[in-house]
Amino acid sequence: MKEKLTIVIPCKNEENYIGNLLKSLSNQYDILSTRIIISDAGSTDSTLDIIKSFQNLNIEVIEGGLPAFGRNKGAYLSTTEYVLFIDSDIEIKNEYTISDSLLMMEDKKLDMLSAMLNSHYLIVKFLYKINNIIVYLSRFDNPFCVGSYMMVRLSTFKSLGGFPEDVMHCEDYLFSKKINSNRFGIIDRYVYSDDRRFKKMGYWKMIKYIFYNILNRNNYDYFKKDINYWL
């Protein structure tokens, strides 16, 4: 896998999450030599110490920034055919998720692949089910894929200019909608996230946030507004 795939993870002050992600990566099939680039945006907690403790993984830490910048920087340092973007608060439970994703990308000649979101928190699990339906239906129009788990063909990523860095949120969706729907796939695997974003913004505000994103999906200037999403 190391000749075909690079994993890019943006992070900042993720001491409560990054260890769970890296532990789950350690358990992935044929992953230990795969290059993992972590774009750290100046963490001031124990994030970097936790990263250093995973000496069994081939990890390189670089200077990052907002997620779009961090993901782009990691991708442009990649030399493999495919790049997998993963958010730092994700856990991957099925040990063949990444290897099967790579096989699906190759067999179906895809430019982008997404996985389904899940959570151990009941309300979040329900909202993610709605998200998964939207992602599935997007296959027939403009692909909708979030940076929680996004595998992309590097040549396609570069030709489309990467993630837009002039927006303050939803850079992952804005990139994904540029992909040809015929070359977008969804693997039948779950990746897990918790409810921290919902707690931070409040469940109702988060639902409104998602609704307004959908409503303004063709209004690029809307996504340039700073709504304190990353604070």
Protein backbone atom coordinates (compact mmCIF):
# COMPACT_ATOMS: atom_id res chain seq x y z
CA MET A 1 0.00 0.00 0.00
CA LYS A 2 2.87 2.39 0.72
CA GLU A 3 3.64 2.75 -3.00
CA LYS A 4 0.05 3.71 -3.79
CA LEU A 5 -1.32 5.73 -0.88
CA THR A 6 -0.47 8.67 1.38
CA ILE A 7 -2.64 9.57 4.36
CA VAL A 8 -3.05 13.26 5.26
CA ILE A 9 -4.48 14.38 8.61
CA PRO A 10 -5.02 18.05 9.59
CA CYS A 11 -5.04 18.69 13.33
CA LYS A 12 -4.79 21.25 16.11
CA ASN A 13 -5.02 20.51 19.85
CA GLU A 14 -6.44 17.03 19.33
CA GLU A 15 -5.08 15.36 22.46
CA ASN A 16 -8.47 13.78 23.17
CA TYR A 17 -8.82 12.28 19.70
CA ILE A 18 -5.59 11.85 17.73
CA GLY A 19 -4.49 8.84 19.77
CA ASN A 20 -7.73 6.98 18.98
CA LEU A 21 -7.30 7.68 15.28
CA LEU A 22 -3.66 6.59 15.18
CA LYS A 23 -4.45 3.46 17.19
CA SER A 24 -7.17 2.57 14.69
CA LEU A 25 -4.75 3.23 11.83
CA SER A 26 -2.23 0.92 13.47
CA ASN A 27 -4.81 -1.86 13.20
CA GLN A 28 -5.47 -1.35 9.50
CA TYR A 29 -4.34 -4.06 7.14
CA ASP A 30 -0.95 -3.41 5.45
CA ILE A 31 -0.69 0.15 6.78
CA LEU A 32 2.44 0.29 8.92
CA SER A 33 4.81 1.48 6.15
CA THR A 34 2.29 3.82 4.53
CA ARG A 35 3.31 7.48 4.74
CA ILE A 36 1.13 9.49 7.12
CA ILE A 37 1.46 13.27 6.94
CA ILE A 38 0.00 15.17 9.88
CA SER A 39 -0.47 18.88 9.24
CA ASP A 40 -0.39 20.40 12.71
CA ALA A 41 -1.69 23.97 13.09
CA GLY A 42 0.39 24.87 16.15
CA SER A 43 -0.96 22.53 18.81
CA THR A 44 -0.28 23.72 22.37
CA ASP A 45 -1.57 20.66 24.22
CA SER A 46 -0.14 17.12 24.27
CA THR A 47 -1.12 16.34 20.66
CA LEU A 48 2.46 16.21 19.37
CA ASP A 49 3.63 14.03 22.25
CA ILE A 50 0.85 11.55 21.54
CA ILE A 51 1.77 11.50 17.85
CA LYS A 52 5.42 10.81 18.69
CA SER A 53 4.41 7.81 20.80
CA PHE A 54 3.19 5.96 17.69
CA GLN A 55 6.63 4.92 16.51
CA ASN A 56 5.20 1.89 14.70
CA LEU A 57 3.64 4.20 12.11
CA ASN A 58 5.45 6.09 9.34
CA ILE A 59 4.42 9.57 10.51
CA GLU A 60 5.72 12.93 9.32
CA VAL A 61 4.52 16.10 11.07
CA ILE A 62 4.45 19.31 9.04
CA GLU A 63 3.29 22.85 9.76
CA GLY A 64 -0.39 23.26 8.95
CA GLY A 65 -3.14 25.84 9.34
CA LEU A 66 -6.85 25.81 8.62
CA PRO A 67 -7.93 22.38 7.33
CA ALA A 68 -7.91 23.37 3.65
CA PHE A 69 -4.33 24.63 3.90
CA GLY A 70 -3.17 21.66 5.95
CA ARG A 71 -4.75 19.12 3.63
CA ASN A 72 -3.39 20.85 0.52
CA LYS A 73 0.11 21.09 1.92
CA GLY A 74 0.12 17.41 2.79
CA ALA A 75 -1.29 16.41 -0.58
CA TYR A 76 1.29 18.39 -2.53
CA LEU A 77 4.06 16.64 -0.58
CA SER A 78 2.61 13.30 -1.65
CA THR A 79 4.11 11.24 -4.46
CA THR A 80 1.63 8.36 -4.49
CA GLU A 81 -1.26 7.85 -6.89
CA TYR A 82 -3.87 8.26 -4.17
CA VAL A 83 -4.29 10.42 -1.07
CA LEU A 84 -6.59 9.67 1.85
CA PHE A 85 -7.75 12.67 3.90
CA ILE A 86 -8.94 11.79 7.40
CA ASP A 87 -10.11 14.11 10.18
CA SER A 88 -8.23 13.76 13.44
CA ASP A 89 -11.32 12.83 15.49
CA ILE A 90 -12.18 9.77 13.39
CA GLU A 91 -11.89 6.10 14.36
CA ILE A 92 -11.82 3.32 11.77
CA LYS A 93 -12.99 0.04 13.26
CA ASN A 94 -12.98 -2.38 10.32
CA GLU A 95 -9.35 -3.36 9.70
CA TYR A 96 -9.85 -3.61 5.93
CA THR A 97 -11.54 -0.24 5.40
CA ILE A 98 -8.54 1.51 3.87
CA SER A 99 -7.23 -1.44 1.84
CA ASP A 100 -10.72 -2.15 0.47
CA SER A 101 -11.14 1.55 -0.35
CA LEU A 102 -7.93 1.47 -2.36
CA LEU A 103 -9.05 -1.65 -4.21
CA MET A 104 -12.38 -0.01 -5.01
CA MET A 105 -10.64 3.12 -6.31
CA GLU A 106 -8.49 0.99 -8.62
CA ASP A 107 -11.11 -1.50 -9.77
CA LYS A 108 -13.75 1.11 -10.56
CA LYS A 109 -11.25 3.75 -11.75
CA LEU A 110 -12.66 6.31 -9.32
CA ASP A 111 -11.41 9.84 -8.73
CA MET A 112 -12.91 10.11 -5.24
CA LEU A 113 -14.31 7.79 -2.61
CA SER A 114 -16.19 8.38 0.62
CA ALA A 115 -17.16 6.19 3.57
CA MET A 116 -20.30 6.38 5.70
CA LEU A 117 -20.29 8.28 8.99
CA ASN A 118 -21.38 6.76 12.27
CA SER A 119 -21.27 7.59 15.97
CA HIS A 120 -21.81 5.95 19.35
CA TYR A 121 -24.02 8.90 20.34
CA LEU A 122 -27.67 8.29 19.52
CA ILE A 123 -28.65 11.75 18.23
CA VAL A 124 -25.46 12.10 16.22
CA LYS A 125 -25.94 8.58 14.82
CA PHE A 126 -29.39 9.64 13.57
CA LEU A 127 -28.07 12.84 11.99
CA TYR A 128 -25.24 10.91 10.35
CA LYS A 129 -27.80 8.54 8.83
CA ILE A 130 -29.37 11.56 7.15
CA ASN A 131 -25.91 12.69 6.03
CA ASN A 132 -25.22 9.25 4.55
CA ILE A 133 -28.45 9.39 2.56
CA ILE A 134 -27.46 12.80 1.16
CA VAL A 135 -24.00 11.48 0.25
CA TYR A 136 -25.54 8.47 -1.48
CA LEU A 137 -28.01 10.57 -3.48
CA SER A 138 -25.24 12.98 -4.48
CA ARG A 139 -23.80 10.22 -6.67
CA PHE A 140 -26.47 11.08 -9.21
CA ASP A 141 -25.71 14.82 -9.36
CA ASN A 142 -22.85 16.69 -7.68
CA PRO A 143 -20.82 14.49 -5.33
CA PHE A 144 -20.97 15.42 -1.66
CA CYS A 145 -18.04 14.21 0.41
CA VAL A 146 -16.63 15.49 3.70
CA GLY A 147 -13.04 15.44 4.92
CA SER A 148 -13.80 12.90 7.63
CA TYR A 149 -12.81 10.22 5.13
CA MET A 150 -12.03 11.20 1.56
CA MET A 151 -9.79 9.20 -0.78
CA VAL A 152 -8.80 11.05 -3.95
CA ARG A 153 -6.72 10.36 -7.03
CA LEU A 154 -3.80 12.78 -6.65
CA SER A 155 -3.64 13.78 -10.32
CA THR A 156 -7.34 14.70 -10.23
CA PHE A 157 -6.88 16.56 -6.96
CA LYS A 158 -4.10 18.69 -8.46
CA SER A 159 -5.95 19.31 -11.72
CA LEU A 160 -8.91 20.71 -9.73
CA GLY A 161 -6.69 22.98 -7.65
CA GLY A 162 -7.11 21.16 -4.33
CA PHE A 163 -9.24 22.46 -1.49
CA PRO A 164 -10.21 26.14 -1.78
CA GLU A 165 -8.24 28.13 0.79
CA ASP A 166 -10.25 31.33 0.51
CA VAL A 167 -13.26 29.89 2.35
CA MET A 168 -13.72 29.52 6.10
CA HIS A 169 -15.69 26.27 6.13
CA CYS A 170 -17.02 23.47 3.89
CA GLU A 171 -13.87 23.41 1.77
CA ASP A 172 -14.24 19.64 1.56
CA TYR A 173 -17.74 19.82 0.06
CA LEU A 174 -16.73 22.63 -2.33
CA PHE A 175 -13.92 20.46 -3.64
CA SER A 176 -15.97 17.28 -3.85
CA LYS A 177 -18.71 18.86 -5.99
CA LYS A 178 -16.11 19.36 -8.75
CA ILE A 179 -15.68 15.59 -9.14
CA ASN A 180 -17.45 13.82 -12.01
CA SER A 181 -20.32 11.89 -10.39
CA ASN A 182 -19.52 8.86 -12.56
CA ARG A 183 -16.13 8.64 -10.89
CA PHE A 184 -17.31 8.99 -7.31
CA GLY A 185 -17.85 5.95 -5.11
CA ILE A 186 -19.00 5.16 -1.59
CA ILE A 187 -17.55 2.17 0.22
CA ASP A 188 -19.83 0.13 2.45
CA ARG A 189 -17.81 0.87 5.60
CA TYR A 190 -18.36 3.15 8.58
CA VAL A 191 -15.94 5.60 10.14
CA TYR A 192 -16.80 6.85 13.61
CA SER A 193 -16.86 10.34 15.09
CA ASP A 194 -18.14 11.69 18.39
CA ASP A 195 -20.49 14.57 19.19
CA ARG A 196 -17.97 17.32 19.95
CA ARG A 197 -18.97 19.59 17.08
CA PHE A 198 -22.63 19.26 18.03
CA LYS A 199 -21.81 20.04 21.66
CA LYS A 200 -19.75 23.08 20.69
CA MET A 201 -22.35 24.63 18.43
CA GLY A 202 -25.45 23.11 20.02
CA TYR A 203 -27.54 20.51 18.23
CA TRP A 204 -30.12 22.94 16.90
CA LYS A 205 -27.48 25.40 15.66
CA MET A 206 -25.60 22.54 14.01
CA ILE A 207 -28.73 21.41 12.21
CA LYS A 208 -29.37 25.00 11.06
CA TYR A 209 -25.74 25.24 9.96
CA ILE A 210 -26.10 22.14 7.79
CA PHE A 211 -29.42 23.41 6.39
CA TYR A 212 -27.95 26.79 5.42
CA ASN A 213 -24.95 25.09 3.84
CA ILE A 214 -27.31 23.10 1.62
CA LEU A 215 -29.38 26.20 0.88
CA ASN A 216 -26.26 28.15 -0.14
CA ARG A 217 -24.48 25.31 -1.92
CA ASN A 218 -24.21 27.39 -5.11
CA ASN A 219 -23.35 30.65 -3.32
CA TYR A 220 -19.57 30.53 -3.03
CA ASP A 221 -19.30 33.84 -1.15
CA TYR A 222 -21.40 32.40 1.68
CA PHE A 223 -18.60 30.00 2.57
CA LYS A 224 -16.09 32.83 2.85
CA LYS A 225 -17.86 34.12 5.97
CA ASP A 226 -16.15 33.36 9.27
CA ILE A 227 -18.74 31.63 11.45
CA ASN A 228 -16.17 30.56 14.09
CA TYR A 229 -16.55 26.95 13.00
CA TRP A 230 -12.93 26.06 13.68
CA LEU A 231 -12.52 27.88 17.00
